[in-house]
Amino acid sequence: MAVPKKKVSKARRDKRRSSTWKLDLPTLTKCPKCGELVLAHRVCKACGTYDGKVVIEQDA
């Protein structure tokens, strides 16, 4: 059976449990047309544009 040979110090234990391994929030950028916050390299849900072109027609 696997048993630890030495005591793990509080500092080592807490480093392992710290937030260093947690994921960051995705970076949001402003849509150049409408100013809505959008994920990078995705179509804007508000105005339907991507790379300056209308990809999705939006109803008024």
PDB file of N, CA and C in Angstrom:
ATOM      1  N   MET A   1       0.843  -1.175   0.000  1.00  0.00           N
ATOM      2  CA  MET A   1       0.000   0.000   0.000  1.00  0.00           C
ATOM      3  C   MET A   1       0.890   1.241   0.000  1.00  0.00           C
ATOM      4  N   ALA A   2       0.506   2.259  -0.797  1.00  0.00           N
ATOM      5  CA  ALA A   2       1.315   3.470  -0.913  1.00  0.00           C
ATOM      6  C   ALA A   2       1.102   4.363   0.302  1.00  0.00           C
ATOM      7  N   VAL A   3       2.201   4.642   0.990  1.00  0.00           N
ATOM      8  CA  VAL A   3       2.159   5.489   2.178  1.00  0.00           C
ATOM      9  C   VAL A   3       3.218   6.569   2.015  1.00  0.00           C
ATOM     10  N   PRO A   4       2.899   7.852   2.317  1.00  0.00           N
ATOM     11  CA  PRO A   4       3.892   8.906   2.205  1.00  0.00           C
ATOM     12  C   PRO A   4       5.074   8.658   3.144  1.00  0.00           C
ATOM     13  N   LYS A   5       6.285   8.897   2.622  1.00  0.00           N
ATOM     14  CA  LYS A   5       7.485   8.672   3.422  1.00  0.00           C
ATOM     15  C   LYS A   5       7.732   9.831   4.391  1.00  0.00           C
ATOM     16  N   LYS A   6       7.408  11.043   3.958  1.00  0.00           N
ATOM     17  CA  LYS A   6       7.616  12.231   4.794  1.00  0.00           C
ATOM     18  C   LYS A   6       6.338  13.056   4.827  1.00  0.00           C
ATOM     19  N   LYS A   7       6.240  13.887   5.852  1.00  0.00           N
ATOM     20  CA  LYS A   7       5.094  14.786   5.977  1.00  0.00           C
ATOM     21  C   LYS A   7       5.185  15.875   4.908  1.00  0.00           C
ATOM     22  N   VAL A   8       4.067  16.167   4.280  1.00  0.00           N
ATOM     23  CA  VAL A   8       4.016  17.256   3.314  1.00  0.00           C
ATOM     24  C   VAL A   8       3.779  18.545   4.089  1.00  0.00           C
ATOM     25  N   SER A   9       4.674  19.512   3.893  1.00  0.00           N
ATOM     26  CA  SER A   9       4.562  20.762   4.644  1.00  0.00           C
ATOM     27  C   SER A   9       3.318  21.538   4.231  1.00  0.00           C
ATOM     28  N   LYS A  10       2.893  22.435   5.108  1.00  0.00           N
ATOM     29  CA  LYS A  10       1.711  23.241   4.822  1.00  0.00           C
ATOM     30  C   LYS A  10       1.920  24.117   3.594  1.00  0.00           C
ATOM     31  N   ALA A  11       3.133  24.627   3.430  1.00  0.00           N
ATOM     32  CA  ALA A  11       3.419  25.486   2.277  1.00  0.00           C
ATOM     33  C   ALA A  11       3.303  24.697   0.974  1.00  0.00           C
ATOM     34  N   ARG A  12       3.865  23.505   0.948  1.00  0.00           N
ATOM     35  CA  ARG A  12       3.801  22.669  -0.255  1.00  0.00           C
ATOM     36  C   ARG A  12       2.363  22.247  -0.546  1.00  0.00           C
ATOM     37  N   ARG A  13       1.638  21.874   0.498  1.00  0.00           N
ATOM     38  CA  ARG A  13       0.244  21.467   0.344  1.00  0.00           C
ATOM     39  C   ARG A  13      -0.606  22.616  -0.188  1.00  0.00           C
ATOM     40  N   ASP A  14      -0.419  23.818   0.387  1.00  0.00           N
ATOM     41  CA  ASP A  14      -1.216  24.964  -0.010  1.00  0.00           C
ATOM     42  C   ASP A  14      -0.856  25.461  -1.405  1.00  0.00           C
ATOM     43  N   LYS A  15       0.420  25.318  -1.805  1.00  0.00           N
ATOM     44  CA  LYS A  15       0.806  25.671  -3.170  1.00  0.00           C
ATOM     45  C   LYS A  15       0.071  24.803  -4.173  1.00  0.00           C
ATOM     46  N   ARG A  16      -0.061  23.548  -3.847  1.00  0.00           N
ATOM     47  CA  ARG A  16      -0.752  22.609  -4.727  1.00  0.00           C
ATOM     48  C   ARG A  16      -2.243  22.942  -4.820  1.00  0.00           C
ATOM     49  N   ARG A  17      -2.810  23.390  -3.722  1.00  0.00           N
ATOM     50  CA  ARG A  17      -4.238  23.699  -3.679  1.00  0.00           C
ATOM     51  C   ARG A  17      -4.562  25.120  -4.119  1.00  0.00           C
ATOM     52  N   SER A  18      -3.541  25.916  -4.405  1.00  0.00           N
ATOM     53  CA  SER A  18      -3.783  27.325  -4.723  1.00  0.00           C
ATOM     54  C   SER A  18      -4.454  27.475  -6.075  1.00  0.00           C
ATOM     55  N   SER A  19      -4.721  28.699  -6.427  1.00  0.00           N
ATOM     56  CA  SER A  19      -5.454  28.980  -7.656  1.00  0.00           C
ATOM     57  C   SER A  19      -4.543  29.068  -8.874  1.00  0.00           C
ATOM     58  N   THR A  20      -3.297  28.594  -8.786  1.00  0.00           N
ATOM     59  CA  THR A  20      -2.389  28.686  -9.925  1.00  0.00           C
ATOM     60  C   THR A  20      -2.823  27.787 -11.066  1.00  0.00           C
ATOM     61  N   TRP A  21      -3.592  26.764 -10.790  1.00  0.00           N
ATOM     62  CA  TRP A  21      -3.997  25.825 -11.834  1.00  0.00           C
ATOM     63  C   TRP A  21      -5.384  26.117 -12.370  1.00  0.00           C
ATOM     64  N   LYS A  22      -6.063  27.103 -11.817  1.00  0.00           N
ATOM     65  CA  LYS A  22      -7.421  27.395 -12.258  1.00  0.00           C
ATOM     66  C   LYS A  22      -7.408  28.146 -13.585  1.00  0.00           C
ATOM     67  N   LEU A  23      -8.430  27.943 -14.377  1.00  0.00           N
ATOM     68  CA  LEU A  23      -8.523  28.563 -15.689  1.00  0.00           C
ATOM     69  C   LEU A  23      -8.866  30.042 -15.566  1.00  0.00           C
ATOM     70  N   ASP A  24      -8.386  30.829 -16.520  1.00  0.00           N
ATOM     71  CA  ASP A  24      -8.701  32.247 -16.583  1.00  0.00           C
ATOM     72  C   ASP A  24      -9.977  32.442 -17.392  1.00  0.00           C
ATOM     73  N   LEU A  25     -10.590  33.586 -17.217  1.00  0.00           N
ATOM     74  CA  LEU A  25     -11.744  33.918 -18.025  1.00  0.00           C
ATOM     75  C   LEU A  25     -11.313  34.146 -19.466  1.00  0.00           C
ATOM     76  N   PRO A  26     -12.166  33.804 -20.435  1.00  0.00           N
ATOM     77  CA  PRO A  26     -11.793  34.051 -21.828  1.00  0.00           C
ATOM     78  C   PRO A  26     -11.708  35.550 -22.105  1.00  0.00           C
ATOM     79  N   THR A  27     -10.797  35.932 -22.990  1.00  0.00           N
ATOM     80  CA  THR A  27     -10.594  37.334 -23.314  1.00  0.00           C
ATOM     81  C   THR A  27     -11.708  37.820 -24.229  1.00  0.00           C
ATOM     82  N   LEU A  28     -12.343  38.888 -23.834  1.00  0.00           N
ATOM     83  CA  LEU A  28     -13.402  39.477 -24.641  1.00  0.00           C
ATOM     84  C   LEU A  28     -12.869  40.715 -25.347  1.00  0.00           C
ATOM     85  N   THR A  29     -13.287  40.893 -26.611  1.00  0.00           N
ATOM     86  CA  THR A  29     -12.906  42.071 -27.379  1.00  0.00           C
ATOM     87  C   THR A  29     -14.169  42.804 -27.800  1.00  0.00           C
ATOM     88  N   LYS A  30     -14.030  44.082 -28.126  1.00  0.00           N
ATOM     89  CA  LYS A  30     -15.178  44.866 -28.562  1.00  0.00           C
ATOM     90  C   LYS A  30     -15.392  44.665 -30.052  1.00  0.00           C
ATOM     91  N   CYS A  31     -16.645  44.514 -30.447  1.00  0.00           N
ATOM     92  CA  CYS A  31     -17.001  44.423 -31.862  1.00  0.00           C
ATOM     93  C   CYS A  31     -16.730  45.786 -32.496  1.00  0.00           C
ATOM     94  N   PRO A  32     -16.010  45.831 -33.624  1.00  0.00           N
ATOM     95  CA  PRO A  32     -15.702  47.133 -34.221  1.00  0.00           C
ATOM     96  C   PRO A  32     -16.932  47.861 -34.766  1.00  0.00           C
ATOM     97  N   LYS A  33     -17.999  47.126 -35.065  1.00  0.00           N
ATOM     98  CA  LYS A  33     -19.196  47.758 -35.630  1.00  0.00           C
ATOM     99  C   LYS A  33     -20.143  48.279 -34.552  1.00  0.00           C
ATOM    100  N   CYS A  34     -20.493  47.415 -33.584  1.00  0.00           N
ATOM    101  CA  CYS A  34     -21.511  47.819 -32.609  1.00  0.00           C
ATOM    102  C   CYS A  34     -20.953  48.054 -31.203  1.00  0.00           C
ATOM    103  N   GLY A  35     -19.730  47.592 -30.918  1.00  0.00           N
ATOM    104  CA  GLY A  35     -19.128  47.825 -29.609  1.00  0.00           C
ATOM    105  C   GLY A  35     -19.490  46.792 -28.562  1.00  0.00           C
ATOM    106  N   GLU A  36     -20.234  45.757 -28.955  1.00  0.00           N
ATOM    107  CA  GLU A  36     -20.618  44.683 -28.035  1.00  0.00           C
ATOM    108  C   GLU A  36     -19.388  43.828 -27.703  1.00  0.00           C
ATOM    109  N   LEU A  37     -19.319  43.289 -26.482  1.00  0.00           N
ATOM    110  CA  LEU A  37     -18.217  42.407 -26.117  1.00  0.00           C
ATOM    111  C   LEU A  37     -18.425  41.034 -26.755  1.00  0.00           C
ATOM    112  N   VAL A  38     -17.378  40.538 -27.450  1.00  0.00           N
ATOM    113  CA  VAL A  38     -17.464  39.293 -28.209  1.00  0.00           C
ATOM    114  C   VAL A  38     -16.202  38.482 -27.958  1.00  0.00           C
ATOM    115  N   LEU A  39     -16.322  37.155 -27.972  1.00  0.00           N
ATOM    116  CA  LEU A  39     -15.142  36.300 -27.939  1.00  0.00           C
ATOM    117  C   LEU A  39     -14.350  36.507 -29.223  1.00  0.00           C
ATOM    118  N   ALA A  40     -13.031  36.429 -29.153  1.00  0.00           N
ATOM    119  CA  ALA A  40     -12.186  36.646 -30.314  1.00  0.00           C
ATOM    120  C   ALA A  40     -12.445  35.574 -31.375  1.00  0.00           C
ATOM    121  N   HIS A  41     -12.395  35.973 -32.643  1.00  0.00           N
ATOM    122  CA  HIS A  41     -12.566  35.073 -33.791  1.00  0.00           C
ATOM    123  C   HIS A  41     -13.934  34.403 -33.803  1.00  0.00           C
ATOM    124  N   ARG A  42     -14.965  35.136 -33.382  1.00  0.00           N
ATOM    125  CA  ARG A  42     -16.329  34.616 -33.402  1.00  0.00           C
ATOM    126  C   ARG A  42     -17.250  35.678 -34.008  1.00  0.00           C
ATOM    127  N   VAL A  43     -18.384  35.255 -34.516  1.00  0.00           N
ATOM    128  CA  VAL A  43     -19.374  36.176 -35.068  1.00  0.00           C
ATOM    129  C   VAL A  43     -20.035  36.931 -33.920  1.00  0.00           C
ATOM    130  N   CYS A  44     -20.246  38.226 -34.103  1.00  0.00           N
ATOM    131  CA  CYS A  44     -20.919  39.041 -33.101  1.00  0.00           C
ATOM    132  C   CYS A  44     -22.399  38.670 -33.095  1.00  0.00           C
ATOM    133  N   LYS A  45     -22.928  38.328 -31.925  1.00  0.00           N
ATOM    134  CA  LYS A  45     -24.333  37.945 -31.822  1.00  0.00           C
ATOM    135  C   LYS A  45     -25.258  39.149 -31.928  1.00  0.00           C
ATOM    136  N   ALA A  46     -24.762  40.321 -31.616  1.00  0.00           N
ATOM    137  CA  ALA A  46     -25.603  41.514 -31.624  1.00  0.00           C
ATOM    138  C   ALA A  46     -25.854  42.013 -33.046  1.00  0.00           C
ATOM    139  N   CYS A  47     -24.775  42.116 -33.850  1.00  0.00           N
ATOM    140  CA  CYS A  47     -24.948  42.676 -35.193  1.00  0.00           C
ATOM    141  C   CYS A  47     -24.722  41.659 -36.305  1.00  0.00           C
ATOM    142  N   GLY A  48     -24.193  40.475 -35.993  1.00  0.00           N
ATOM    143  CA  GLY A  48     -24.031  39.420 -36.987  1.00  0.00           C
ATOM    144  C   GLY A  48     -22.869  39.608 -37.935  1.00  0.00           C
ATOM    145  N   THR A  49     -21.853  40.390 -37.544  1.00  0.00           N
ATOM    146  CA  THR A  49     -20.719  40.613 -38.434  1.00  0.00           C
ATOM    147  C   THR A  49     -19.490  39.860 -37.958  1.00  0.00           C
ATOM    148  N   TYR A  50     -18.613  39.543 -38.922  1.00  0.00           N
ATOM    149  CA  TYR A  50     -17.310  38.946 -38.619  1.00  0.00           C
ATOM    150  C   TYR A  50     -16.332  39.443 -39.664  1.00  0.00           C
ATOM    151  N   ASP A  51     -15.229  39.987 -39.224  1.00  0.00           N
ATOM    152  CA  ASP A  51     -14.173  40.500 -40.111  1.00  0.00           C
ATOM    153  C   ASP A  51     -14.719  41.578 -41.056  1.00  0.00           C
ATOM    154  N   GLY A  52     -15.651  42.388 -40.556  1.00  0.00           N
ATOM    155  CA  GLY A  52     -16.184  43.483 -41.342  1.00  0.00           C
ATOM    156  C   GLY A  52     -17.258  43.095 -42.334  1.00  0.00           C
ATOM    157  N   LYS A  53     -17.652  41.821 -42.364  1.00  0.00           N
ATOM    158  CA  LYS A  53     -18.672  41.355 -43.302  1.00  0.00           C
ATOM    159  C   LYS A  53     -19.875  40.847 -42.535  1.00  0.00           C
ATOM    160  N   VAL A  54     -21.070  41.052 -43.104  1.00  0.00           N
ATOM    161  CA  VAL A  54     -22.289  40.559 -42.477  1.00  0.00           C
ATOM    162  C   VAL A  54     -22.390  39.063 -42.755  1.00  0.00           C
ATOM    163  N   VAL A  55     -22.402  38.264 -41.704  1.00  0.00           N
ATOM    164  CA  VAL A  55     -22.446  36.814 -41.836  1.00  0.00           C
ATOM    165  C   VAL A  55     -23.849  36.315 -41.526  1.00  0.00           C
ATOM    166  N   ILE A  56     -24.488  36.899 -40.515  1.00  0.00           N
ATOM    167  CA  ILE A  56     -25.833  36.515 -40.100  1.00  0.00           C
ATOM    168  C   ILE A  56     -26.731  37.731 -40.254  1.00  0.00           C
ATOM    169  N   GLU A  57     -27.810  37.555 -40.981  1.00  0.00           N
ATOM    170  CA  GLU A  57     -28.779  38.653 -41.138  1.00  0.00           C
ATOM    171  C   GLU A  57     -29.558  38.810 -39.847  1.00  0.00           C
ATOM    172  N   GLN A  58     -29.635  40.029 -39.333  1.00  0.00           N
ATOM    173  CA  GLN A  58     -30.351  40.312 -38.093  1.00  0.00           C
ATOM    174  C   GLN A  58     -31.664  41.016 -38.418  1.00  0.00           C
ATOM    175  N   ASP A  59     -32.742  40.650 -37.709  1.00  0.00           N
ATOM    176  CA  ASP A  59     -34.017  41.331 -37.868  1.00  0.00           C
ATOM    177  C   ASP A  59     -34.010  42.637 -37.088  1.00  0.00           C
ATOM    178  N   ALA A  60     -34.578  43.644 -37.659  1.00  0.00           N
ATOM    179  CA  ALA A  60     -34.626  44.955 -37.006  1.00  0.00           C
ATOM    180  C   ALA A  60     -35.730  45.016 -36.016  1.00  0.00           C
TER     181      ALA A  60
END
